[in-house]
Amino acid sequence: MKKVVLLCLVLLTCVQVFAQSVSDTIEVKKGFSTVFRQNGRNLTPKQLLDITQSNPEAYKEMKIAKGKAGVANVLGYAGGFLVGWPIGAAIGGGEPNWALAGIGAGLIGVAIPFATSFSKHTQNAARIYNSGLTQTGMNHFDLKLGFTGNGLGLNLKF
């Protein structure tokens, strides 16, 4: 009798343990700018490049995207500086050189297609990476101790 009671107590207090890994998908959040997240934290292009190394196709796409980001950043920063210098001079009471502002605006205009291309290549790399992950699933089951047609028993549904 003690063994039956002990067995019932053990079955009622079982803890379910699953050896399943959490899927490390890359989330793409679109808004004013596209944000890439994994496990709740934002990712930089370098981190994305490191993450996609396990998938050669996604890594290749991410390398293209990182190159586009570098060009877009250089052109964007240079254009912003060339636009900001004359504006700062005008605010400070000096003589602004509006030709520099025009050149800066042109550089910013050239940087926009590179930034758009970066975003598209990065989204494509994330899609390729996510599709290459193995899908893990837990089979749900229900274990109940109760009365059956033959008396007391365990009922396992899956």
Protein backbone atom coordinates (compact mmCIF):
# COMPACT_ATOMS: atom_id res chain seq x y z
CA MET A 1 0.00 0.00 0.00
CA LYS A 2 2.84 2.38 0.83
CA LYS A 3 4.37 1.75 -2.58
CA VAL A 4 1.13 2.60 -4.37
CA VAL A 5 0.69 5.84 -2.39
CA LEU A 6 4.34 6.76 -2.97
CA LEU A 7 3.99 6.03 -6.68
CA CYS A 8 0.87 8.22 -6.87
CA LEU A 9 2.62 11.08 -5.07
CA VAL A 10 5.62 10.83 -7.39
CA LEU A 11 3.39 10.83 -10.48
CA LEU A 12 1.39 13.80 -9.22
CA THR A 13 4.48 15.89 -8.47
CA CYS A 14 6.40 15.18 -11.69
CA VAL A 15 8.08 18.16 -13.27
CA GLN A 16 8.08 18.32 -17.02
CA VAL A 17 11.51 18.91 -18.48
CA PHE A 18 12.03 19.40 -22.20
CA ALA A 19 15.41 19.36 -23.89
CA GLN A 20 14.33 21.76 -26.59
CA SER A 21 16.38 24.72 -27.66
CA VAL A 22 14.77 28.08 -28.18
CA SER A 23 14.65 29.03 -31.81
CA ASP A 24 17.11 31.85 -32.45
CA THR A 25 15.17 33.55 -35.20
CA ILE A 26 15.98 37.07 -36.26
CA GLU A 27 12.97 39.35 -35.97
CA VAL A 28 12.54 42.22 -38.41
CA LYS A 29 10.70 45.24 -37.01
CA LYS A 30 9.78 47.80 -39.66
CA GLY A 31 9.08 51.39 -38.81
CA PHE A 32 10.87 54.65 -39.56
CA SER A 33 13.97 52.49 -39.76
CA THR A 34 14.22 48.71 -39.86
CA VAL A 35 15.36 47.13 -36.59
CA PHE A 36 16.68 43.59 -36.32
CA ARG A 37 16.22 41.77 -33.01
CA GLN A 38 17.16 38.40 -31.62
CA ASN A 39 16.12 37.18 -28.17
CA GLY A 40 14.81 40.64 -27.30
CA ARG A 41 17.94 42.65 -28.10
CA ASN A 42 18.68 44.88 -31.07
CA LEU A 43 21.41 43.74 -33.43
CA THR A 44 24.06 45.76 -35.23
CA PRO A 45 25.16 44.87 -38.77
CA LYS A 46 28.37 43.35 -37.36
CA GLN A 47 26.39 41.17 -34.95
CA LEU A 48 24.11 40.10 -37.79
CA LEU A 49 27.17 39.16 -39.84
CA ASP A 50 28.50 37.06 -36.95
CA ILE A 51 25.14 35.36 -36.38
CA THR A 52 24.64 34.43 -40.03
CA GLN A 53 28.06 32.76 -40.33
CA SER A 54 26.44 29.38 -39.70
CA ASN A 55 24.38 29.73 -42.90
CA PRO A 56 26.65 30.35 -45.94
CA GLU A 57 23.90 31.77 -48.15
CA ALA A 58 22.66 34.19 -45.48
CA TYR A 59 26.27 35.12 -44.65
CA LYS A 60 26.96 35.98 -48.30
CA GLU A 61 23.87 38.17 -48.42
CA MET A 62 24.83 39.84 -45.15
CA LYS A 63 28.35 40.60 -46.41
CA ILE A 64 26.82 42.41 -49.39
CA ALA A 65 24.52 44.30 -47.02
CA LYS A 66 27.39 45.29 -44.73
CA GLY A 67 29.32 46.71 -47.70
CA LYS A 68 26.28 48.75 -48.72
CA ALA A 69 25.92 50.03 -45.16
CA GLY A 70 29.55 51.19 -45.13
CA VAL A 71 29.12 53.18 -48.33
CA ALA A 72 25.80 54.64 -47.14
CA ASN A 73 27.34 55.68 -43.80
CA VAL A 74 30.37 57.37 -45.36
CA LEU A 75 28.28 59.27 -47.90
CA GLY A 76 25.61 60.13 -45.34
CA TYR A 77 28.03 61.42 -42.72
CA ALA A 78 30.01 63.43 -45.27
CA GLY A 79 26.80 64.87 -46.71
CA GLY A 80 25.49 65.72 -43.26
CA PHE A 81 28.72 67.51 -42.42
CA LEU A 82 28.68 69.47 -45.68
CA VAL A 83 25.06 70.50 -45.10
CA GLY A 84 25.58 71.27 -41.42
CA TRP A 85 28.67 73.47 -41.84
CA PRO A 86 26.93 76.25 -43.85
CA ILE A 87 23.85 76.06 -41.64
CA GLY A 88 26.05 76.44 -38.55
CA ALA A 89 27.82 79.38 -40.20
CA ALA A 90 24.48 81.02 -40.98
CA ILE A 91 23.25 80.55 -37.41
CA GLY A 92 26.56 81.85 -36.03
CA GLY A 93 26.33 85.01 -38.12
CA GLY A 94 29.07 84.10 -40.62
CA GLU A 95 28.93 83.90 -44.38
CA PRO A 96 27.50 80.46 -45.33
CA ASN A 97 28.78 78.64 -48.41
CA TRP A 98 25.58 77.26 -49.89
CA ALA A 99 27.48 75.40 -52.59
CA LEU A 100 28.82 73.10 -49.85
CA ALA A 101 25.26 72.54 -48.64
CA GLY A 102 24.22 71.61 -52.18
CA ILE A 103 27.09 69.15 -52.51
CA GLY A 104 26.17 67.69 -49.11
CA ALA A 105 22.53 67.31 -50.15
CA GLY A 106 23.72 65.52 -53.28
CA LEU A 107 25.83 63.13 -51.21
CA ILE A 108 22.86 62.42 -48.95
CA GLY A 109 20.75 61.77 -52.05
CA VAL A 110 23.35 59.27 -53.31
CA ALA A 111 23.49 57.58 -49.88
CA ILE A 112 19.74 56.86 -49.77
CA PRO A 113 19.76 54.09 -52.44
CA PHE A 114 22.69 52.42 -50.67
CA ALA A 115 20.80 52.51 -47.36
CA THR A 116 17.70 51.06 -49.03
CA SER A 117 19.78 48.32 -50.63
CA PHE A 118 21.37 47.56 -47.24
CA SER A 119 17.93 47.15 -45.68
CA LYS A 120 16.71 44.85 -48.46
CA HIS A 121 19.83 42.66 -48.38
CA THR A 122 19.70 42.44 -44.57
CA GLN A 123 16.03 41.47 -44.59
CA ASN A 124 16.79 38.84 -47.22
CA ALA A 125 19.69 37.51 -45.11
CA ALA A 126 17.41 37.30 -42.05
CA ARG A 127 14.76 35.47 -44.09
CA ILE A 128 17.33 32.98 -45.43
CA TYR A 129 18.80 32.49 -41.95
CA ASN A 130 15.38 31.94 -40.35
CA SER A 131 14.30 29.47 -43.03
CA GLY A 132 17.49 27.46 -42.45
CA LEU A 133 16.85 26.99 -38.73
CA THR A 134 15.55 23.62 -37.66
CA GLN A 135 12.04 23.81 -36.43
CA THR A 136 11.72 22.43 -32.93
CA GLY A 137 8.38 21.56 -31.51
CA MET A 138 7.20 20.09 -28.28
CA ASN A 139 4.50 17.48 -28.43
CA HIS A 140 1.82 18.38 -25.93
CA PHE A 141 0.48 15.61 -23.82
CA ASP A 142 -1.86 15.34 -20.90
CA LEU A 143 -1.24 12.89 -18.04
CA LYS A 144 -4.09 12.44 -15.59
CA LEU A 145 -4.62 10.14 -12.66
CA GLY A 146 -8.25 9.26 -12.38
CA PHE A 147 -10.96 6.68 -12.60
CA THR A 148 -11.17 4.56 -15.72
CA GLY A 149 -13.56 1.80 -16.75
CA ASN A 150 -11.49 -0.71 -14.78
CA GLY A 151 -10.93 1.38 -11.65
CA LEU A 152 -8.10 3.80 -10.80
CA GLY A 153 -5.59 4.44 -13.59
CA LEU A 154 -3.40 6.80 -15.54
CA ASN A 155 -4.75 8.48 -18.65
CA LEU A 156 -2.18 9.71 -21.17
CA LYS A 157 -3.41 11.80 -24.11
CA PHE A 158 -1.08 13.10 -26.81
